[in-house]
Structures are given as structure tokens and as C-alpha cells.
Amino acid sequence: MSELENRLTICFASVFPALTEEEIRSASAESIGVWDSLSSVTLAAVIQEEFNLEIDPEVLPNLDSFQAFRAYLQGAVVALDGKEA
């Protein structure tokens, strides 16, 4: 697992502490019964803090799974790297 995935897993575990690491990696709003709008906002806040970035509020409804957050963060890291180059 990459560093990004490890850090993202920790973020998810802080919001959904009952999930195993395997469950987190396959987590989605559909598969996790306790994932609601408050969980989404909390998760976004935790991830923003961990990765020191701001998630566009218009994108948040589309970030409904571990994989979606991972893809978003991979894009954000690439964009940040591009700006610094």
C-alpha cells in the first residue's frame, strides 16, 4: 500500500473506527450503513487536515468511497507537484 493509501486509511479509521483495514479499502457510502452526510463532511475535514489541502465542496458529493477519495487525492498531489515544478 502506498503512503497516500496508508494515510487515507488512517483518516477513514478515525471516522469509521469499527471497520477493518480491508473493509476501509472497499468502503463506500452504499456499503457502510453509518456513512451519511455528516460522515462525509467529517471525513472530508479529516482528510483536508491530514493532506493539508482544501476539497472543493462541489466535488464532495462525488467522493463517496475510499477509491473516489484516493483518486481525488492522487489528482490533487499531481496538481500540487506540477505547481511546484
Protein backbone atom coordinates (compact mmCIF):
# COMPACT_ATOMS: atom_id res chain seq x y z
CA MET A 1 0.00 0.00 0.00
CA SER A 2 1.28 3.47 -0.87
CA GLU A 3 1.89 6.22 1.66
CA LEU A 4 -1.18 8.04 0.33
CA GLU A 5 -3.33 4.93 0.88
CA ASN A 6 -1.90 4.42 4.38
CA ARG A 7 -2.67 8.00 5.37
CA LEU A 8 -6.13 7.79 3.80
CA THR A 9 -6.82 4.54 5.66
CA ILE A 10 -5.95 6.26 8.93
CA CYS A 11 -8.37 9.09 8.08
CA PHE A 12 -11.16 6.61 7.34
CA ALA A 13 -10.39 4.67 10.54
CA SER A 14 -10.78 7.84 12.61
CA VAL A 15 -14.28 8.40 11.19
CA PHE A 16 -15.31 4.72 10.93
CA PRO A 17 -13.42 3.04 13.81
CA ALA A 18 -15.41 -0.21 13.65
CA LEU A 19 -14.13 -1.05 10.14
CA THR A 20 -11.17 -3.30 9.46
CA GLU A 21 -8.41 -2.15 7.13
CA GLU A 22 -9.79 -4.41 4.40
CA GLU A 23 -13.31 -3.02 4.86
CA ILE A 24 -11.95 0.52 4.68
CA ARG A 25 -10.23 -0.11 1.33
CA SER A 26 -13.53 -1.29 -0.15
CA ALA A 27 -15.70 1.22 1.76
CA SER A 28 -18.38 3.23 0.03
CA ALA A 29 -21.45 5.15 1.11
CA GLU A 30 -23.51 2.24 -0.19
CA SER A 31 -21.60 -0.48 1.66
CA ILE A 32 -21.22 1.31 5.00
CA GLY A 33 -24.56 1.77 6.73
CA VAL A 34 -23.32 4.54 9.03
CA TRP A 35 -21.89 6.63 6.16
CA ASP A 36 -24.21 9.61 5.94
CA SER A 37 -23.84 13.28 5.02
CA LEU A 38 -22.33 14.13 8.41
CA SER A 39 -19.80 11.32 7.98
CA SER A 40 -18.90 12.67 4.54
CA VAL A 41 -18.28 16.16 5.87
CA THR A 42 -16.31 14.83 8.85
CA LEU A 43 -14.24 12.58 6.61
CA ALA A 44 -13.52 15.46 4.24
CA ALA A 45 -12.40 17.64 7.16
CA VAL A 46 -10.09 14.93 8.49
CA ILE A 47 -8.61 14.35 5.02
CA GLN A 48 -8.14 18.07 4.40
CA GLU A 49 -6.26 18.34 7.69
CA GLU A 50 -4.12 15.24 7.03
CA PHE A 51 -3.19 16.20 3.47
CA ASN A 52 -3.10 19.97 4.01
CA LEU A 53 -5.44 20.74 1.12
CA GLU A 54 -8.93 22.03 0.51
CA ILE A 55 -11.54 19.81 -1.07
CA ASP A 56 -13.83 21.64 -3.46
CA PRO A 57 -17.33 21.48 -1.86
CA GLU A 58 -18.87 20.90 -5.29
CA VAL A 59 -16.83 17.71 -5.63
CA LEU A 60 -17.71 16.34 -2.18
CA PRO A 61 -20.94 14.56 -3.26
CA ASN A 62 -18.86 12.52 -5.73
CA LEU A 63 -16.39 11.45 -3.04
CA ASP A 64 -18.48 8.54 -1.84
CA SER A 65 -15.90 5.78 -1.48
CA PHE A 66 -12.35 5.07 -0.43
CA GLN A 67 -11.43 4.67 -4.09
CA ALA A 68 -13.02 8.02 -5.03
CA PHE A 69 -11.10 9.84 -2.29
CA ARG A 70 -7.89 8.06 -3.33
CA ALA A 71 -8.35 9.09 -6.98
CA TYR A 72 -9.15 12.67 -5.94
CA LEU A 73 -6.08 12.85 -3.73
CA GLN A 74 -3.85 11.37 -6.43
CA GLY A 75 -5.04 14.12 -8.76
CA ALA A 76 -4.51 16.78 -6.10
CA VAL A 77 -0.96 15.59 -5.40
CA VAL A 78 -0.14 15.62 -9.12
CA ALA A 79 -1.56 19.14 -9.40
CA LEU A 80 0.45 20.34 -6.39
CA ASP A 81 3.62 18.76 -7.75
CA GLY A 82 3.01 20.46 -11.09
CA LYS A 83 2.65 23.86 -9.44
CA GLU A 84 5.88 23.46 -7.51
CA ALA A 85 7.90 22.36 -10.52
